Protein backbone atom coordinates (compact mmCIF):
# COMPACT_ATOMS: atom_id res chain seq x y z
CA MET A 1 -37.50 -43.37 -21.42
CA GLU A 2 -40.01 -44.53 -23.92
CA TYR A 3 -40.59 -48.16 -24.89
CA SER A 4 -42.18 -49.34 -28.05
CA ILE A 5 -45.17 -51.79 -27.65
CA ASN A 6 -44.95 -55.13 -29.40
CA LYS A 7 -47.97 -55.01 -31.82
CA GLY A 8 -47.37 -58.52 -33.07
CA ILE A 9 -48.53 -60.47 -29.85
CA GLY A 10 -51.00 -63.25 -30.87
CA LYS A 11 -50.27 -63.20 -34.63
CA SER A 12 -48.64 -66.04 -36.39
CA VAL A 13 -45.00 -66.34 -37.37
CA GLU A 14 -44.26 -64.62 -40.76
CA PHE A 15 -41.28 -64.38 -42.92
CA LYS A 16 -41.19 -62.95 -46.41
CA SER A 17 -44.91 -63.42 -46.62
CA LEU A 18 -44.57 -67.15 -45.72
CA LYS A 19 -46.97 -67.68 -42.87
CA ALA A 20 -47.30 -70.45 -40.15
CA GLN A 21 -46.78 -74.03 -41.34
CA TYR A 22 -45.55 -72.89 -44.67
CA LEU A 23 -42.46 -71.53 -42.95
CA PHE A 24 -41.72 -74.75 -41.28
CA ILE A 25 -42.23 -76.78 -44.60
CA PHE A 26 -39.84 -74.30 -46.31
CA ALA A 27 -37.11 -74.58 -43.61
CA GLY A 28 -37.41 -78.35 -43.39
CA GLY A 29 -37.46 -78.78 -47.09
CA LEU A 30 -34.23 -76.81 -47.54
CA LEU A 31 -32.52 -78.81 -44.73
CA ALA A 32 -33.77 -81.95 -46.45
CA VAL A 33 -32.33 -80.75 -49.76
CA PHE A 34 -29.03 -79.85 -48.27
CA MET A 35 -28.63 -83.18 -46.54
CA VAL A 36 -29.38 -85.01 -49.85
CA PHE A 37 -26.84 -82.86 -51.61
CA VAL A 38 -24.32 -83.65 -49.05
CA ILE A 39 -25.10 -87.39 -49.28
CA ILE A 40 -24.81 -87.59 -52.97
CA TYR A 41 -21.69 -85.64 -53.02
CA MET A 42 -20.06 -87.92 -50.46
CA ILE A 43 -21.11 -91.05 -52.49
CA GLY A 44 -18.93 -89.73 -55.35
CA VAL A 45 -21.55 -88.35 -57.78
CA ASP A 46 -20.01 -85.59 -59.99
CA GLN A 47 -19.83 -82.09 -58.53
CA TRP A 48 -21.84 -80.31 -61.19
CA VAL A 49 -24.61 -82.88 -60.94
CA CYS A 50 -24.86 -82.41 -57.24
CA ILE A 51 -24.93 -78.60 -57.65
CA GLY A 52 -27.53 -78.92 -60.52
CA PHE A 53 -29.75 -81.10 -58.26
CA GLY A 54 -29.42 -78.69 -55.33
CA VAL A 55 -30.33 -75.63 -57.35
CA ILE A 56 -33.11 -77.49 -59.13
CA ALA A 57 -34.62 -79.06 -55.84
CA ALA A 58 -34.25 -75.81 -53.82
CA SER A 59 -36.06 -73.72 -56.59
CA ALA A 60 -38.90 -76.24 -56.84
CA LEU A 61 -39.23 -76.21 -53.05
CA VAL A 62 -39.35 -72.45 -53.09
CA TRP A 63 -41.93 -72.18 -55.93
CA LEU A 64 -44.15 -74.95 -54.30
CA THR A 65 -44.06 -73.37 -50.89
CA PHE A 66 -44.93 -69.95 -52.06
CA ASN A 67 -47.62 -71.33 -54.42
CA LEU A 68 -49.22 -73.31 -51.53
CA ASN A 69 -49.03 -70.20 -49.35
CA ALA A 70 -50.85 -68.00 -51.93
CA LYS A 71 -53.43 -70.83 -52.81
CA TYR A 72 -54.51 -72.08 -49.40
CA GLY A 73 -53.64 -69.12 -46.98
CA GLU A 74 -52.55 -69.17 -43.43
CA HIS A 75 -54.79 -72.21 -42.15
CA GLY A 76 -55.97 -73.51 -45.59
CA LEU A 77 -53.39 -76.37 -45.72
CA MET A 78 -54.41 -77.78 -42.30
CA LYS A 79 -58.10 -77.42 -43.40
CA LEU A 80 -57.38 -79.39 -46.48
CA LEU A 81 -55.63 -82.21 -44.66
CA ALA A 82 -58.53 -82.21 -42.08
CA LYS A 83 -61.00 -82.55 -44.89
CA ARG A 84 -59.22 -85.60 -46.27
CA GLN A 85 -59.59 -87.43 -42.89
CA HIS A 86 -63.41 -86.71 -42.80
CA PRO A 87 -65.47 -89.50 -43.92
CA ARG A 88 -67.47 -89.12 -47.14
CA PHE A 89 -70.57 -90.92 -45.83
CA LEU A 90 -71.69 -92.85 -42.61
CA ILE A 91 -72.74 -96.47 -42.79
CA ASN A 92 -75.36 -97.81 -40.52
CA ARG A 93 -75.28 -101.74 -40.54
CA LYS A 94 -78.16 -102.22 -38.29
CA ASN A 95 -81.19 -103.98 -39.60
CA SER A 96 -83.89 -101.33 -40.75
CA ARG A 97 -86.59 -103.29 -38.58
CA ARG A 98 -84.60 -102.45 -35.47
CA LEU A 99 -84.53 -98.80 -36.30
CA PHE A 100 -88.28 -98.48 -35.94
CA GLN A 101 -88.99 -100.74 -32.93
CA TYR A 102 -89.31 -99.24 -29.54
CA PRO A 103 -87.17 -100.59 -26.87
CA LYS A 104 -88.93 -102.73 -24.34
CA LYS A 105 -89.60 -101.30 -20.93
CA LYS A 106 -88.22 -103.11 -18.01
CA GLU A 107 -90.93 -104.10 -15.47
CA VAL A 108 -90.39 -102.62 -12.07
CA GLN A 109 -90.55 -105.16 -9.26
CA ASN A 110 -92.60 -104.16 -6.19
CA ALA A 111 -90.56 -104.58 -3.01
């Protein structure tokens, strides 16, 4: 018997060219659109309005997800979110005279 070797070990998850976190955004977004569709249908909104909302929202989600995947790549969205959390500048609130003073040495007691 001959077994094929799995060449995909260590690679990120990919489906229809969607990679990594975009796949989870896509699946979660479609689930959210479906839940909103069900809720507005159960409230009593007209059937065609619900279908129109579902089609437009799902189409926008598909376009946005594939656009983000093409623009930022596999890890680019995480890098973008990390960059937003990085401070633009550091603030030093110490008095400028303290920055240039040498600390006083403690005197050693002879015992």
